[in-house]
């Protein structure tokens, strides 16, 4: 079986997503699974996948706040 190397962009995307979800969880006092499910339910995960490139260039505080705002606008309660 031939090993495939991830493209740099894919690798960067994975690294950022696995970094920012725990940050979101910590900020809103959730465990990682709760944070993932919350983001998925209220559109934060779609926002993250779609805009990760812009989000990763900013301070993680602002990325988490942007994700929170998207979720809140979609009915999220935190």
PDB file of N, CA and C in Angstrom:
ATOM      1  N   UNK A   1       0.846  -1.178   0.000  1.00  0.00           N
ATOM      2  CA  UNK A   1       0.000   0.000   0.000  1.00  0.00           C
ATOM      3  C   UNK A   1       0.893   1.244   0.000  1.00  0.00           C
ATOM      4  N   UNK A   2       0.592   2.143  -0.873  1.00  0.00           N
ATOM      5  CA  UNK A   2       1.391   3.360  -0.995  1.00  0.00           C
ATOM      6  C   UNK A   2       0.936   4.394   0.032  1.00  0.00           C
ATOM      7  N   UNK A   3       1.920   4.966   0.729  1.00  0.00           N
ATOM      8  CA  UNK A   3       1.591   6.029   1.685  1.00  0.00           C
ATOM      9  C   UNK A   3       1.391   7.328   0.932  1.00  0.00           C
ATOM     10  N   UNK A   4       0.330   8.018   1.325  1.00  0.00           N
ATOM     11  CA  UNK A   4       0.089   9.327   0.721  1.00  0.00           C
ATOM     12  C   UNK A   4       0.388  10.392   1.757  1.00  0.00           C
ATOM     13  N   UNK A   5       1.103  11.373   1.348  1.00  0.00           N
ATOM     14  CA  UNK A   5       1.369  12.509   2.230  1.00  0.00           C
ATOM     15  C   UNK A   5       0.218  13.490   2.121  1.00  0.00           C
ATOM     16  N   UNK A   6      -0.184  14.013   3.264  1.00  0.00           N
ATOM     17  CA  UNK A   6      -1.212  15.044   3.236  1.00  0.00           C
ATOM     18  C   UNK A   6      -0.636  16.309   2.625  1.00  0.00           C
ATOM     19  N   UNK A   7      -1.452  16.963   1.883  1.00  0.00           N
ATOM     20  CA  UNK A   7      -1.048  18.264   1.388  1.00  0.00           C
ATOM     21  C   UNK A   7      -0.808  19.173   2.582  1.00  0.00           C
ATOM     22  N   UNK A   8       0.075  20.124   2.461  1.00  0.00           N
ATOM     23  CA  UNK A   8       0.370  21.024   3.566  1.00  0.00           C
ATOM     24  C   UNK A   8      -0.889  21.733   4.057  1.00  0.00           C
ATOM     25  N   UNK A   9      -1.739  22.178   3.163  1.00  0.00           N
ATOM     26  CA  UNK A   9      -2.958  22.877   3.566  1.00  0.00           C
ATOM     27  C   UNK A   9      -3.877  21.960   4.379  1.00  0.00           C
ATOM     28  N   UNK A  10      -4.005  20.711   3.943  1.00  0.00           N
ATOM     29  CA  UNK A  10      -4.826  19.756   4.691  1.00  0.00           C
ATOM     30  C   UNK A  10      -4.243  19.513   6.075  1.00  0.00           C
ATOM     31  N   UNK A  11      -2.945  19.381   6.133  1.00  0.00           N
ATOM     32  CA  UNK A  11      -2.277  19.172   7.415  1.00  0.00           C
ATOM     33  C   UNK A  11      -2.469  20.369   8.342  1.00  0.00           C
ATOM     34  N   UNK A  12      -2.323  21.572   7.800  1.00  0.00           N
ATOM     35  CA  UNK A  12      -2.525  22.791   8.591  1.00  0.00           C
ATOM     36  C   UNK A  12      -3.968  22.899   9.080  1.00  0.00           C
ATOM     37  N   UNK A  13      -4.905  22.533   8.226  1.00  0.00           N
ATOM     38  CA  UNK A  13      -6.327  22.587   8.592  1.00  0.00           C
ATOM     39  C   UNK A  13      -6.613  21.633   9.750  1.00  0.00           C
ATOM     40  N   UNK A  14      -6.122  20.425   9.655  1.00  0.00           N
ATOM     41  CA  UNK A  14      -6.324  19.433  10.711  1.00  0.00           C
ATOM     42  C   UNK A  14      -5.705  19.902  12.020  1.00  0.00           C
ATOM     43  N   UNK A  15      -4.498  20.429  11.951  1.00  0.00           N
ATOM     44  CA  UNK A  15      -3.825  20.926  13.156  1.00  0.00           C
ATOM     45  C   UNK A  15      -4.627  22.048  13.811  1.00  0.00           C
ATOM     46  N   UNK A  16      -5.123  22.979  13.004  1.00  0.00           N
ATOM     47  CA  UNK A  16      -5.874  24.094  13.571  1.00  0.00           C
ATOM     48  C   UNK A  16      -7.184  23.626  14.194  1.00  0.00           C
ATOM     49  N   UNK A  17      -7.894  22.770  13.509  1.00  0.00           N
ATOM     50  CA  UNK A  17      -9.189  22.297  14.025  1.00  0.00           C
ATOM     51  C   UNK A  17      -8.998  21.521  15.320  1.00  0.00           C
ATOM     52  N   UNK A  18      -7.966  20.685  15.378  1.00  0.00           N
ATOM     53  CA  UNK A  18      -7.723  19.922  16.610  1.00  0.00           C
ATOM     54  C   UNK A  18      -7.174  20.804  17.719  1.00  0.00           C
ATOM     55  N   UNK A  19      -6.719  21.983  17.383  1.00  0.00           N
ATOM     56  CA  UNK A  19      -6.265  22.952  18.383  1.00  0.00           C
ATOM     57  C   UNK A  19      -7.420  23.820  18.895  1.00  0.00           C
ATOM     58  N   UNK A  20      -8.287  24.268  17.991  1.00  0.00           N
ATOM     59  CA  UNK A  20      -9.280  25.281  18.358  1.00  0.00           C
ATOM     60  C   UNK A  20     -10.505  24.690  19.057  1.00  0.00           C
ATOM     61  N   UNK A  21     -10.890  23.467  18.757  1.00  0.00           N
ATOM     62  CA  UNK A  21     -12.050  22.876  19.439  1.00  0.00           C
ATOM     63  C   UNK A  21     -11.789  22.735  20.941  1.00  0.00           C
ATOM     64  N   UNK A  22     -10.632  22.242  21.374  1.00  0.00           N
ATOM     65  CA  UNK A  22     -10.362  22.226  22.824  1.00  0.00           C
ATOM     66  C   UNK A  22     -10.308  23.630  23.440  1.00  0.00           C
ATOM     67  N   UNK A  23      -9.834  24.611  22.689  1.00  0.00           N
ATOM     68  CA  UNK A  23      -9.844  25.992  23.182  1.00  0.00           C
ATOM     69  C   UNK A  23     -11.282  26.451  23.412  1.00  0.00           C
ATOM     70  N   UNK A  24     -12.162  26.148  22.472  1.00  0.00           N
ATOM     71  CA  UNK A  24     -13.573  26.482  22.606  1.00  0.00           C
ATOM     72  C   UNK A  24     -14.163  25.777  23.828  1.00  0.00           C
ATOM     73  N   UNK A  25     -13.845  24.510  23.983  1.00  0.00           N
ATOM     74  CA  UNK A  25     -14.343  23.731  25.114  1.00  0.00           C
ATOM     75  C   UNK A  25     -13.900  24.345  26.442  1.00  0.00           C
ATOM     76  N   UNK A  26     -12.642  24.708  26.536  1.00  0.00           N
ATOM     77  CA  UNK A  26     -12.129  25.319  27.769  1.00  0.00           C
ATOM     78  C   UNK A  26     -12.819  26.641  28.066  1.00  0.00           C
ATOM     79  N   UNK A  27     -12.984  27.463  27.047  1.00  0.00           N
ATOM     80  CA  UNK A  27     -13.581  28.780  27.229  1.00  0.00           C
ATOM     81  C   UNK A  27     -15.016  28.695  27.728  1.00  0.00           C
ATOM     82  N   UNK A  28     -15.767  27.710  27.244  1.00  0.00           N
ATOM     83  CA  UNK A  28     -17.175  27.602  27.595  1.00  0.00           C
ATOM     84  C   UNK A  28     -17.463  26.442  28.543  1.00  0.00           C
ATOM     85  N   UNK A  29     -16.427  26.003  29.242  1.00  0.00           N
ATOM     86  CA  UNK A  29     -16.558  24.997  30.310  1.00  0.00           C
ATOM     87  C   UNK A  29     -17.273  23.729  29.845  1.00  0.00           C
ATOM     88  N   UNK A  30     -16.813  23.190  28.731  1.00  0.00           N
ATOM     89  CA  UNK A  30     -17.349  21.940  28.183  1.00  0.00           C
ATOM     90  C   UNK A  30     -16.199  20.949  28.063  1.00  0.00           C
ATOM     91  N   UNK A  31     -16.541  19.668  27.972  1.00  0.00           N
ATOM     92  CA  UNK A  31     -15.485  18.738  27.582  1.00  0.00           C
ATOM     93  C   UNK A  31     -15.413  18.768  26.049  1.00  0.00           C
ATOM     94  N   UNK A  32     -14.435  18.122  25.493  1.00  0.00           N
ATOM     95  CA  UNK A  32     -14.218  18.221  24.042  1.00  0.00           C
ATOM     96  C   UNK A  32     -15.372  17.642  23.233  1.00  0.00           C
ATOM     97  N   UNK A  33     -15.934  16.552  23.709  1.00  0.00           N
ATOM     98  CA  UNK A  33     -17.053  15.950  22.990  1.00  0.00           C
ATOM     99  C   UNK A  33     -18.269  16.872  23.005  1.00  0.00           C
ATOM    100  N   UNK A  34     -18.562  17.469  24.154  1.00  0.00           N
ATOM    101  CA  UNK A  34     -19.681  18.414  24.234  1.00  0.00           C
ATOM    102  C   UNK A  34     -19.461  19.592  23.293  1.00  0.00           C
ATOM    103  N   UNK A  35     -18.236  20.099  23.269  1.00  0.00           N
ATOM    104  CA  UNK A  35     -17.919  21.231  22.398  1.00  0.00           C
ATOM    105  C   UNK A  35     -18.105  20.859  20.934  1.00  0.00           C
ATOM    106  N   UNK A  36     -17.620  19.695  20.551  1.00  0.00           N
ATOM    107  CA  UNK A  36     -17.764  19.244  19.169  1.00  0.00           C
ATOM    108  C   UNK A  36     -19.238  19.137  18.793  1.00  0.00           C
ATOM    109  N   UNK A  37     -20.025  18.491  19.647  1.00  0.00           N
ATOM    110  CA  UNK A  37     -21.447  18.316  19.358  1.00  0.00           C
ATOM    111  C   UNK A  37     -22.197  19.644  19.331  1.00  0.00           C
ATOM    112  N   UNK A  38     -21.841  20.553  20.229  1.00  0.00           N
ATOM    113  CA  UNK A  38     -22.446  21.887  20.253  1.00  0.00           C
ATOM    114  C   UNK A  38     -22.123  22.634  18.958  1.00  0.00           C
ATOM    115  N   UNK A  39     -20.857  22.625  18.573  1.00  0.00           N
ATOM    116  CA  UNK A  39     -20.448  23.303  17.341  1.00  0.00           C
ATOM    117  C   UNK A  39     -21.135  22.693  16.125  1.00  0.00           C
ATOM    118  N   UNK A  40     -21.257  21.390  16.123  1.00  0.00           N
ATOM    119  CA  UNK A  40     -21.918  20.718  15.004  1.00  0.00           C
ATOM    120  C   UNK A  40     -23.399  21.083  14.943  1.00  0.00           C
ATOM    121  N   UNK A  41     -24.070  21.073  16.078  1.00  0.00           N
ATOM    122  CA  UNK A  41     -25.513  21.346  16.132  1.00  0.00           C
ATOM    123  C   UNK A  41     -25.851  22.768  15.712  1.00  0.00           C
ATOM    124  N   UNK A  42     -25.019  23.736  16.107  1.00  0.00           N
ATOM    125  CA  UNK A  42     -25.357  25.146  15.888  1.00  0.00           C
ATOM    126  C   UNK A  42     -24.549  25.824  14.778  1.00  0.00           C
ATOM    127  N   UNK A  43     -23.905  25.052  13.922  1.00  0.00           N
ATOM    128  CA  UNK A  43     -23.266  25.610  12.737  1.00  0.00           C
ATOM    129  C   UNK A  43     -21.837  26.094  12.924  1.00  0.00           C
ATOM    130  N   UNK A  44     -21.330  26.015  14.123  1.00  0.00           N
ATOM    131  CA  UNK A  44     -19.964  26.461  14.361  1.00  0.00           C
ATOM    132  C   UNK A  44     -18.929  25.608  13.661  1.00  0.00           C
ATOM    133  N   UNK A  45     -19.199  24.321  13.548  1.00  0.00           N
ATOM    134  CA  UNK A  45     -18.255  23.419  12.892  1.00  0.00           C
ATOM    135  C   UNK A  45     -18.201  23.686  11.390  1.00  0.00           C
ATOM    136  N   UNK A  46     -19.357  23.905  10.784  1.00  0.00           N
ATOM    137  CA  UNK A  46     -19.367  24.258   9.354  1.00  0.00           C
ATOM    138  C   UNK A  46     -18.618  25.563   9.123  1.00  0.00           C
ATOM    139  N   UNK A  47     -18.851  26.533  10.006  1.00  0.00           N
ATOM    140  CA  UNK A  47     -18.145  27.810   9.921  1.00  0.00           C
ATOM    141  C   UNK A  47     -16.639  27.593  10.042  1.00  0.00           C
ATOM    142  N   UNK A  48     -16.258  26.755  10.979  1.00  0.00           N
ATOM    143  CA  UNK A  48     -14.844  26.459  11.191  1.00  0.00           C
ATOM    144  C   UNK A  48     -14.224  25.816   9.963  1.00  0.00           C
ATOM    145  N   UNK A  49     -14.886  24.822   9.391  1.00  0.00           N
ATOM    146  CA  UNK A  49     -14.352  24.159   8.199  1.00  0.00           C
ATOM    147  C   UNK A  49     -14.279  25.111   7.009  1.00  0.00           C
ATOM    148  N   UNK A  50     -15.265  25.974   6.889  1.00  0.00           N
ATOM    149  CA  UNK A  50     -15.308  26.885   5.743  1.00  0.00           C
ATOM    150  C   UNK A  50     -14.314  28.044   5.869  1.00  0.00           C
ATOM    151  N   UNK A  51     -14.112  28.539   7.089  1.00  0.00           N
ATOM    152  CA  UNK A  51     -13.299  29.740   7.276  1.00  0.00           C
ATOM    153  C   UNK A  51     -12.035  29.517   8.099  1.00  0.00           C
ATOM    154  N   UNK A  52     -11.580  28.292   8.202  1.00  0.00           N
ATOM    155  CA  UNK A  52     -10.436  27.995   9.051  1.00  0.00           C
ATOM    156  C   UNK A  52      -9.212  28.819   8.649  1.00  0.00           C
ATOM    157  N   UNK A  53      -9.054  29.055   7.380  1.00  0.00           N
ATOM    158  CA  UNK A  53      -7.853  29.763   6.923  1.00  0.00           C
ATOM    159  C   UNK A  53      -7.796  31.177   7.510  1.00  0.00           C
ATOM    160  N   UNK A  54      -8.904  31.877   7.497  1.00  0.00           N
ATOM    161  CA  UNK A  54      -8.944  33.225   8.072  1.00  0.00           C
ATOM    162  C   UNK A  54      -8.871  33.161   9.594  1.00  0.00           C
ATOM    163  N   UNK A  55      -9.567  32.203  10.194  1.00  0.00           N
ATOM    164  CA  UNK A  55      -9.585  32.092  11.650  1.00  0.00           C
ATOM    165  C   UNK A  55      -8.208  31.780  12.229  1.00  0.00           C
ATOM    166  N   UNK A  56      -7.438  30.968  11.522  1.00  0.00           N
ATOM    167  CA  UNK A  56      -6.148  30.573  12.083  1.00  0.00           C
ATOM    168  C   UNK A  56      -5.118  31.702  12.060  1.00  0.00           C
ATOM    169  N   UNK A  57      -5.383  32.752  11.306  1.00  0.00           N
ATOM    170  CA  UNK A  57      -4.426  33.853  11.254  1.00  0.00           C
ATOM    171  C   UNK A  57      -4.608  34.835  12.403  1.00  0.00           C
ATOM    172  N   UNK A  58      -5.730  34.712  13.107  1.00  0.00           N
ATOM    173  CA  UNK A  58      -6.041  35.615  14.208  1.00  0.00           C
ATOM    174  C   UNK A  58      -5.709  34.952  15.540  1.00  0.00           C
ATOM    175  N   UNK A  59      -5.771  35.712  16.586  1.00  0.00           N
ATOM    176  CA  UNK A  59      -5.600  35.193  17.932  1.00  0.00           C
ATOM    177  C   UNK A  59      -6.697  34.164  18.200  1.00  0.00           C
ATOM    178  N   UNK A  60      -6.367  33.085  18.900  1.00  0.00           N
ATOM    179  CA  UNK A  60      -7.353  32.037  19.145  1.00  0.00           C
ATOM    180  C   UNK A  60      -8.562  32.560  19.924  1.00  0.00           C
ATOM    181  N   UNK A  61      -8.370  33.573  20.752  1.00  0.00           N
ATOM    182  CA  UNK A  61      -9.485  34.175  21.483  1.00  0.00           C
ATOM    183  C   UNK A  61     -10.562  34.648  20.517  1.00  0.00           C
ATOM    184  N   UNK A  62     -10.152  35.329  19.453  1.00  0.00           N
ATOM    185  CA  UNK A  62     -11.115  35.863  18.490  1.00  0.00           C
ATOM    186  C   UNK A  62     -11.727  34.763  17.642  1.00  0.00           C
ATOM    187  N   UNK A  63     -10.980  33.744  17.336  1.00  0.00           N
ATOM    188  CA  UNK A  63     -11.535  32.615  16.582  1.00  0.00           C
ATOM    189  C   UNK A  63     -12.635  31.932  17.390  1.00  0.00           C
ATOM    190  N   UNK A  64     -12.383  31.734  18.682  1.00  0.00           N
ATOM    191  CA  UNK A  64     -13.377  31.118  19.563  1.00  0.00           C
ATOM    192  C   UNK A  64     -14.607  32.013  19.669  1.00  0.00           C
ATOM    193  N   UNK A  65     -14.404  33.310  19.803  1.00  0.00           N
ATOM    194  CA  UNK A  65     -15.532  34.247  19.892  1.00  0.00           C
ATOM    195  C   UNK A  65     -16.356  34.246  18.605  1.00  0.00           C
ATOM    196  N   UNK A  66     -15.694  34.190  17.458  1.00  0.00           N
ATOM    197  CA  UNK A  66     -16.415  34.136  16.184  1.00  0.00           C
ATOM    198  C   UNK A  66     -17.257  32.868  16.090  1.00  0.00           C
ATOM    199  N   UNK A  67     -16.693  31.737  16.503  1.00  0.00           N
ATOM    200  CA  UNK A  67     -17.436  30.477  16.486  1.00  0.00           C
ATOM    201  C   UNK A  67     -18.630  30.555  17.435  1.00  0.00           C
ATOM    202  N   UNK A  68     -18.412  31.170  18.597  1.00  0.00           N
ATOM    203  CA  UNK A  68     -19.509  31.337  19.562  1.00  0.00           C
ATOM    204  C   UNK A  68     -20.617  32.188  18.953  1.00  0.00           C
ATOM    205  N   UNK A  69     -20.256  33.258  18.299  1.00  0.00           N
ATOM    206  CA  UNK A  69     -21.247  34.158  17.710  1.00  0.00           C
ATOM    207  C   UNK A  69     -22.090  33.439  16.649  1.00  0.00           C
ATOM    208  N   UNK A  70     -21.462  32.628  15.823  1.00  0.00           N
ATOM    209  CA  UNK A  70     -22.185  31.855  14.809  1.00  0.00           C
ATOM    210  C   UNK A  70     -23.171  30.916  15.491  1.00  0.00           C
ATOM    211  N   UNK A  71     -22.719  30.224  16.522  1.00  0.00           N
ATOM    212  CA  UNK A  71     -23.600  29.295  17.243  1.00  0.00           C
ATOM    213  C   UNK A  71     -24.750  30.042  17.916  1.00  0.00           C
ATOM    214  N   UNK A  72     -24.437  31.159  18.526  1.00  0.00           N
ATOM    215  CA  UNK A  72     -25.463  31.946  19.224  1.00  0.00           C
ATOM    216  C   UNK A  72     -26.533  32.429  18.251  1.00  0.00           C
ATOM    217  N   UNK A  73     -26.118  32.874  17.076  1.00  0.00           N
ATOM    218  CA  UNK A  73     -27.067  33.338  16.063  1.00  0.00           C
ATOM    219  C   UNK A  73     -27.933  32.209  15.527  1.00  0.00           C
ATOM    220  N   UNK A  74     -27.459  30.979  15.691  1.00  0.00           N
ATOM    221  CA  UNK A  74     -28.207  29.826  15.206  1.00  0.00           C
ATOM    222  C   UNK A  74     -28.977  29.113  16.316  1.00  0.00           C
ATOM    223  N   UNK A  75     -29.103  29.774  17.472  1.00  0.00           N
ATOM    224  CA  UNK A  75     -29.891  29.208  18.562  1.00  0.00           C
ATOM    225  C   UNK A  75     -29.106  28.623  19.691  1.00  0.00           C
ATOM    226  N   UNK A  76     -27.796  28.694  19.632  1.00  0.00           N
ATOM    227  CA  UNK A  76     -26.961  28.194  20.727  1.00  0.00           C
ATOM    228  C   UNK A  76     -27.166  28.994  21.982  1.00  0.00           C
ATOM    229  N   UNK A  77     -26.992  28.395  23.104  1.00  0.00           N
ATOM    230  CA  UNK A  77     -27.320  29.039  24.388  1.00  0.00           C
ATOM    231  C   UNK A  77     -26.122  29.464  25.191  1.00  0.00           C
ATOM    232  N   UNK A  78     -24.944  29.134  24.823  1.00  0.00           N
ATOM    233  CA  UNK A  78     -23.774  29.510  25.631  1.00  0.00           C
ATOM    234  C   UNK A  78     -23.170  30.802  25.132  1.00  0.00           C
TER     235      UNK A  78
END
